Amino acid sequence: MKCPFCGYADSKVVDSRPTDEGSSIRRRRECLQCLKRFTTYETVERMPLMLIKRDGTRQPYDRRKLLGGVMKACEKRPVPPQRLEQLVDAVELRLFGSLDYEVSSKVIGEMVMEELRGIDEVAYVRFASVYRQFKDINTFMEELNLLIRDK
């Protein structure tokens, strides 16, 4: 592992510990030349996941886009950022555990809404309004009525 400070190609591991419920390992390293310490993370390499959009086009799955959409839905809501990371982790666990290499954006959207519903109802409705492309107030009210009925 190259040192980010001096570029030296060798370092030693000072400390290792699991993170993210065991899905990755955090390693504290020390450069053998400049003796500065830095942190690396080791994760399992996954097969690339292709997202099939509504219009039929395909693009690589991007965690940052999913997290960004969830963050926007939770804007100004009392939801800690760590909880949003956990939500995306849970969705990814299901996605990558399915062994499918292509997944519809509809499937991902439904998974996110399922998770959001239990976290924050306002964020759920916000996400649903964009994801399901509510056309008017009646569509919006139908979703709210479903939410109220299920309580």
C-alpha atoms as a PDB file:
ATOM      1  CA  MET A   1       0.000   0.000   0.000  1.00  0.00           C
ATOM      2  CA  LYS A   2       1.523   3.321  -1.075  1.00  0.00           C
ATOM      3  CA  CYS A   3       1.913   5.979   1.566  1.00  0.00           C
ATOM      4  CA  PRO A   4      -0.395   8.955   0.829  1.00  0.00           C
ATOM      5  CA  PHE A   5       2.203  11.320   2.324  1.00  0.00           C
ATOM      6  CA  CYS A   6       5.518  10.329   0.741  1.00  0.00           C
ATOM      7  CA  GLY A   7       4.495   7.753  -1.893  1.00  0.00           C
ATOM      8  CA  TYR A   8       6.708   5.004  -0.483  1.00  0.00           C
ATOM      9  CA  ALA A   9       5.429   1.611  -1.629  1.00  0.00           C
ATOM     10  CA  ASP A  10       5.658  -0.279   1.648  1.00  0.00           C
ATOM     11  CA  SER A  11       3.850   0.009   4.983  1.00  0.00           C
ATOM     12  CA  LYS A  12       3.061  -2.162   7.951  1.00  0.00           C
ATOM     13  CA  VAL A  13      -0.326  -2.844   9.515  1.00  0.00           C
ATOM     14  CA  VAL A  14      -0.466  -1.458  13.054  1.00  0.00           C
ATOM     15  CA  ASP A  15      -4.106  -2.273  13.852  1.00  0.00           C
ATOM     16  CA  SER A  16      -7.003  -4.114  12.135  1.00  0.00           C
ATOM     17  CA  ARG A  17     -10.629  -4.212  13.113  1.00  0.00           C
ATOM     18  CA  PRO A  18     -13.957  -5.049  11.430  1.00  0.00           C
ATOM     19  CA  THR A  19     -16.326  -2.218  10.501  1.00  0.00           C
ATOM     20  CA  ASP A  20     -19.829  -1.963   9.035  1.00  0.00           C
ATOM     21  CA  GLU A  21     -21.090  -5.094  10.771  1.00  0.00           C
ATOM     22  CA  GLY A  22     -18.164  -7.113   9.441  1.00  0.00           C
ATOM     23  CA  SER A  23     -18.537  -6.199   5.762  1.00  0.00           C
ATOM     24  CA  SER A  24     -15.158  -4.437   5.671  1.00  0.00           C
ATOM     25  CA  ILE A  25     -11.920  -4.213   7.621  1.00  0.00           C
ATOM     26  CA  ARG A  26     -10.346  -0.981   8.813  1.00  0.00           C
ATOM     27  CA  ARG A  27      -6.579  -1.120   8.835  1.00  0.00           C
ATOM     28  CA  ARG A  28      -4.311   1.413  10.504  1.00  0.00           C
ATOM     29  CA  ARG A  29      -0.977   1.471   8.658  1.00  0.00           C
ATOM     30  CA  GLU A  30       2.425   3.031   9.224  1.00  0.00           C
ATOM     31  CA  CYS A  31       4.729   4.022   6.364  1.00  0.00           C
ATOM     32  CA  LEU A  32       8.121   2.325   6.674  1.00  0.00           C
ATOM     33  CA  GLN A  33       9.896   5.404   5.265  1.00  0.00           C
ATOM     34  CA  CYS A  34       8.322   8.551   6.744  1.00  0.00           C
ATOM     35  CA  LEU A  35       6.670   6.736   9.708  1.00  0.00           C
ATOM     36  CA  LYS A  36       3.359   8.601   9.271  1.00  0.00           C
ATOM     37  CA  ARG A  37       0.150   6.672   9.881  1.00  0.00           C
ATOM     38  CA  PHE A  38      -2.872   6.376   7.623  1.00  0.00           C
ATOM     39  CA  THR A  39      -6.082   4.332   7.441  1.00  0.00           C
ATOM     40  CA  THR A  40      -7.232   1.975   4.694  1.00  0.00           C
ATOM     41  CA  TYR A  41     -10.401  -0.066   4.289  1.00  0.00           C
ATOM     42  CA  GLU A  42     -10.597  -3.525   2.772  1.00  0.00           C
ATOM     43  CA  THR A  43     -13.874  -4.769   1.297  1.00  0.00           C
ATOM     44  CA  VAL A  44     -14.966  -7.711  -0.812  1.00  0.00           C
ATOM     45  CA  GLU A  45     -14.904  -6.931  -4.513  1.00  0.00           C
ATOM     46  CA  ARG A  46     -18.376  -7.317  -5.940  1.00  0.00           C
ATOM     47  CA  MET A  47     -19.553  -7.954  -9.455  1.00  0.00           C
ATOM     48  CA  PRO A  48     -20.672  -4.707 -11.077  1.00  0.00           C
ATOM     49  CA  LEU A  49     -24.396  -4.152 -10.798  1.00  0.00           C
ATOM     50  CA  MET A  50     -26.202  -2.625 -13.763  1.00  0.00           C
ATOM     51  CA  LEU A  51     -29.260  -0.478 -13.194  1.00  0.00           C
ATOM     52  CA  ILE A  52     -32.092  -0.674 -15.750  1.00  0.00           C
ATOM     53  CA  LYS A  53     -33.772   2.720 -15.852  1.00  0.00           C
ATOM     54  CA  ARG A  54     -37.439   3.389 -16.673  1.00  0.00           C
ATOM     55  CA  ASP A  55     -36.602   4.240 -20.285  1.00  0.00           C
ATOM     56  CA  GLY A  56     -34.768   0.911 -20.695  1.00  0.00           C
ATOM     57  CA  THR A  57     -31.259   2.343 -20.651  1.00  0.00           C
ATOM     58  CA  ARG A  58     -28.619   0.737 -18.488  1.00  0.00           C
ATOM     59  CA  GLN A  59     -26.034   2.372 -16.282  1.00  0.00           C
ATOM     60  CA  PRO A  60     -23.740   1.170 -13.491  1.00  0.00           C
ATOM     61  CA  TYR A  61     -25.253   1.234 -10.017  1.00  0.00           C
ATOM     62  CA  ASP A  62     -23.947   4.213  -8.040  1.00  0.00           C
ATOM     63  CA  ARG A  63     -24.246   4.188  -4.251  1.00  0.00           C
ATOM     64  CA  ARG A  64     -23.668   7.954  -4.096  1.00  0.00           C
ATOM     65  CA  LYS A  65     -26.732   8.629  -6.270  1.00  0.00           C
ATOM     66  CA  LEU A  66     -28.922   6.414  -4.114  1.00  0.00           C
ATOM     67  CA  LEU A  67     -27.629   7.992  -0.914  1.00  0.00           C
ATOM     68  CA  GLY A  68     -28.112  11.458  -2.427  1.00  0.00           C
ATOM     69  CA  GLY A  69     -31.764  10.733  -3.223  1.00  0.00           C
ATOM     70  CA  VAL A  70     -32.406   9.426   0.264  1.00  0.00           C
ATOM     71  CA  MET A  71     -30.628  12.440   1.798  1.00  0.00           C
ATOM     72  CA  LYS A  72     -32.768  14.807  -0.242  1.00  0.00           C
ATOM     73  CA  ALA A  73     -35.950  13.065   0.952  1.00  0.00           C
ATOM     74  CA  CYS A  74     -34.738  13.357   4.561  1.00  0.00           C
ATOM     75  CA  GLU A  75     -33.643  16.990   4.268  1.00  0.00           C
ATOM     76  CA  LYS A  76     -34.606  18.976   7.389  1.00  0.00           C
ATOM     77  CA  ARG A  77     -35.932  15.815   9.040  1.00  0.00           C
ATOM     78  CA  PRO A  78     -34.666  14.366  12.342  1.00  0.00           C
ATOM     79  CA  VAL A  79     -32.886  11.450  10.663  1.00  0.00           C
ATOM     80  CA  PRO A  80     -29.187  11.030  11.506  1.00  0.00           C
ATOM     81  CA  PRO A  81     -26.820  10.600   8.530  1.00  0.00           C
ATOM     82  CA  GLN A  82     -25.621   7.264   9.959  1.00  0.00           C
ATOM     83  CA  ARG A  83     -29.184   5.955   9.685  1.00  0.00           C
ATOM     84  CA  LEU A  84     -29.245   6.859   5.992  1.00  0.00           C
ATOM     85  CA  GLU A  85     -25.965   5.002   5.471  1.00  0.00           C
ATOM     86  CA  GLN A  86     -27.531   1.992   7.221  1.00  0.00           C
ATOM     87  CA  LEU A  87     -30.571   2.228   4.949  1.00  0.00           C
ATOM     88  CA  VAL A  88     -28.391   2.179   1.823  1.00  0.00           C
ATOM     89  CA  ASP A  89     -26.319  -0.664   3.319  1.00  0.00           C
ATOM     90  CA  ALA A  90     -29.513  -2.691   3.869  1.00  0.00           C
ATOM     91  CA  VAL A  91     -30.674  -2.085   0.291  1.00  0.00           C
ATOM     92  CA  GLU A  92     -27.240  -3.020  -1.075  1.00  0.00           C
ATOM     93  CA  LEU A  93     -27.141  -6.167   1.027  1.00  0.00           C
ATOM     94  CA  ARG A  94     -30.384  -7.289  -0.587  1.00  0.00           C
ATOM     95  CA  LEU A  95     -29.265  -6.242  -4.071  1.00  0.00           C
ATOM     96  CA  PHE A  96     -25.868  -7.901  -4.012  1.00  0.00           C
ATOM     97  CA  GLY A  97     -27.235 -10.924  -2.175  1.00  0.00           C
ATOM     98  CA  SER A  98     -29.694 -11.621  -4.978  1.00  0.00           C
ATOM     99  CA  LEU A  99     -26.905 -12.606  -7.410  1.00  0.00           C
ATOM    100  CA  ASP A 100     -28.631 -10.654 -10.198  1.00  0.00           C
ATOM    101  CA  TYR A 101     -26.247  -8.481 -12.163  1.00  0.00           C
ATOM    102  CA  GLU A 102     -29.002  -6.279 -13.555  1.00  0.00           C
ATOM    103  CA  VAL A 103     -31.727  -4.721 -11.471  1.00  0.00           C
ATOM    104  CA  SER A 104     -34.593  -2.406 -12.306  1.00  0.00           C
ATOM    105  CA  SER A 105     -34.626   1.064 -10.788  1.00  0.00           C
ATOM    106  CA  LYS A 106     -38.206   0.225  -9.791  1.00  0.00           C
ATOM    107  CA  VAL A 107     -36.983  -2.615  -7.554  1.00  0.00           C
ATOM    108  CA  ILE A 108     -34.445  -0.346  -5.866  1.00  0.00           C
ATOM    109  CA  GLY A 109     -37.028   2.407  -5.404  1.00  0.00           C
ATOM    110  CA  GLU A 110     -39.453   0.001  -3.750  1.00  0.00           C
ATOM    111  CA  MET A 111     -36.715  -1.267  -1.417  1.00  0.00           C
ATOM    112  CA  VAL A 112     -35.831   2.290  -0.411  1.00  0.00           C
ATOM    113  CA  MET A 113     -39.469   3.189   0.216  1.00  0.00           C
ATOM    114  CA  GLU A 114     -39.920   0.068   2.327  1.00  0.00           C
ATOM    115  CA  GLU A 115     -36.935   1.091   4.475  1.00  0.00           C
ATOM    116  CA  LEU A 116     -37.887   4.802   4.629  1.00  0.00           C
ATOM    117  CA  ARG A 117     -41.422   4.023   5.706  1.00  0.00           C
ATOM    118  CA  GLY A 118     -40.135   2.667   9.000  1.00  0.00           C
ATOM    119  CA  ILE A 119     -37.711   5.551   9.545  1.00  0.00           C
ATOM    120  CA  ASP A 120     -39.615   8.742   8.736  1.00  0.00           C
ATOM    121  CA  GLU A 121     -43.061   8.988   7.159  1.00  0.00           C
ATOM    122  CA  VAL A 122     -42.511  12.497   5.781  1.00  0.00           C
ATOM    123  CA  ALA A 123     -39.285  11.402   4.087  1.00  0.00           C
ATOM    124  CA  TYR A 124     -41.127   8.349   2.764  1.00  0.00           C
ATOM    125  CA  VAL A 125     -43.838  10.504   1.168  1.00  0.00           C
ATOM    126  CA  ARG A 126     -41.215  12.874  -0.282  1.00  0.00           C
ATOM    127  CA  PHE A 127     -39.279   9.994  -1.814  1.00  0.00           C
ATOM    128  CA  ALA A 128     -42.469   8.335  -3.083  1.00  0.00           C
ATOM    129  CA  SER A 129     -43.681  11.578  -4.685  1.00  0.00           C
ATOM    130  CA  VAL A 130     -40.527  11.825  -6.787  1.00  0.00           C
ATOM    131  CA  TYR A 131     -40.030   8.118  -7.373  1.00  0.00           C
ATOM    132  CA  ARG A 132     -43.638   7.401  -8.328  1.00  0.00           C
ATOM    133  CA  GLN A 133     -43.925  10.721 -10.171  1.00  0.00           C
ATOM    134  CA  PHE A 134     -47.117  11.934  -8.543  1.00  0.00           C
ATOM    135  CA  LYS A 135     -49.029  13.814 -11.226  1.00  0.00           C
ATOM    136  CA  ASP A 136     -51.446  15.742  -9.018  1.00  0.00           C
ATOM    137  CA  ILE A 137     -52.721  16.219  -5.478  1.00  0.00           C
ATOM    138  CA  ASN A 138     -55.102  13.246  -5.786  1.00  0.00           C
ATOM    139  CA  THR A 139     -52.210  10.834  -6.355  1.00  0.00           C
ATOM    140  CA  PHE A 140     -50.453  12.396  -3.391  1.00  0.00           C
ATOM    141  CA  MET A 141     -53.555  11.982  -1.207  1.00  0.00           C
ATOM    142  CA  GLU A 142     -53.950   8.333  -2.246  1.00  0.00           C
ATOM    143  CA  GLU A 143     -50.440   7.601  -0.976  1.00  0.00           C
ATOM    144  CA  LEU A 144     -51.111   9.483   2.268  1.00  0.00           C
ATOM    145  CA  ASN A 145     -54.360   7.564   2.779  1.00  0.00           C
ATOM    146  CA  LEU A 146     -52.518   4.263   2.286  1.00  0.00           C
ATOM    147  CA  LEU A 147     -49.958   5.352   4.860  1.00  0.00           C
ATOM    148  CA  ILE A 148     -52.674   6.330   7.360  1.00  0.00           C
ATOM    149  CA  ARG A 149     -54.669   3.142   6.724  1.00  0.00           C
ATOM    150  CA  ASP A 150     -51.608   0.933   7.311  1.00  0.00           C
ATOM    151  CA  LYS A 151     -50.962   2.554  10.702  1.00  0.00           C
END
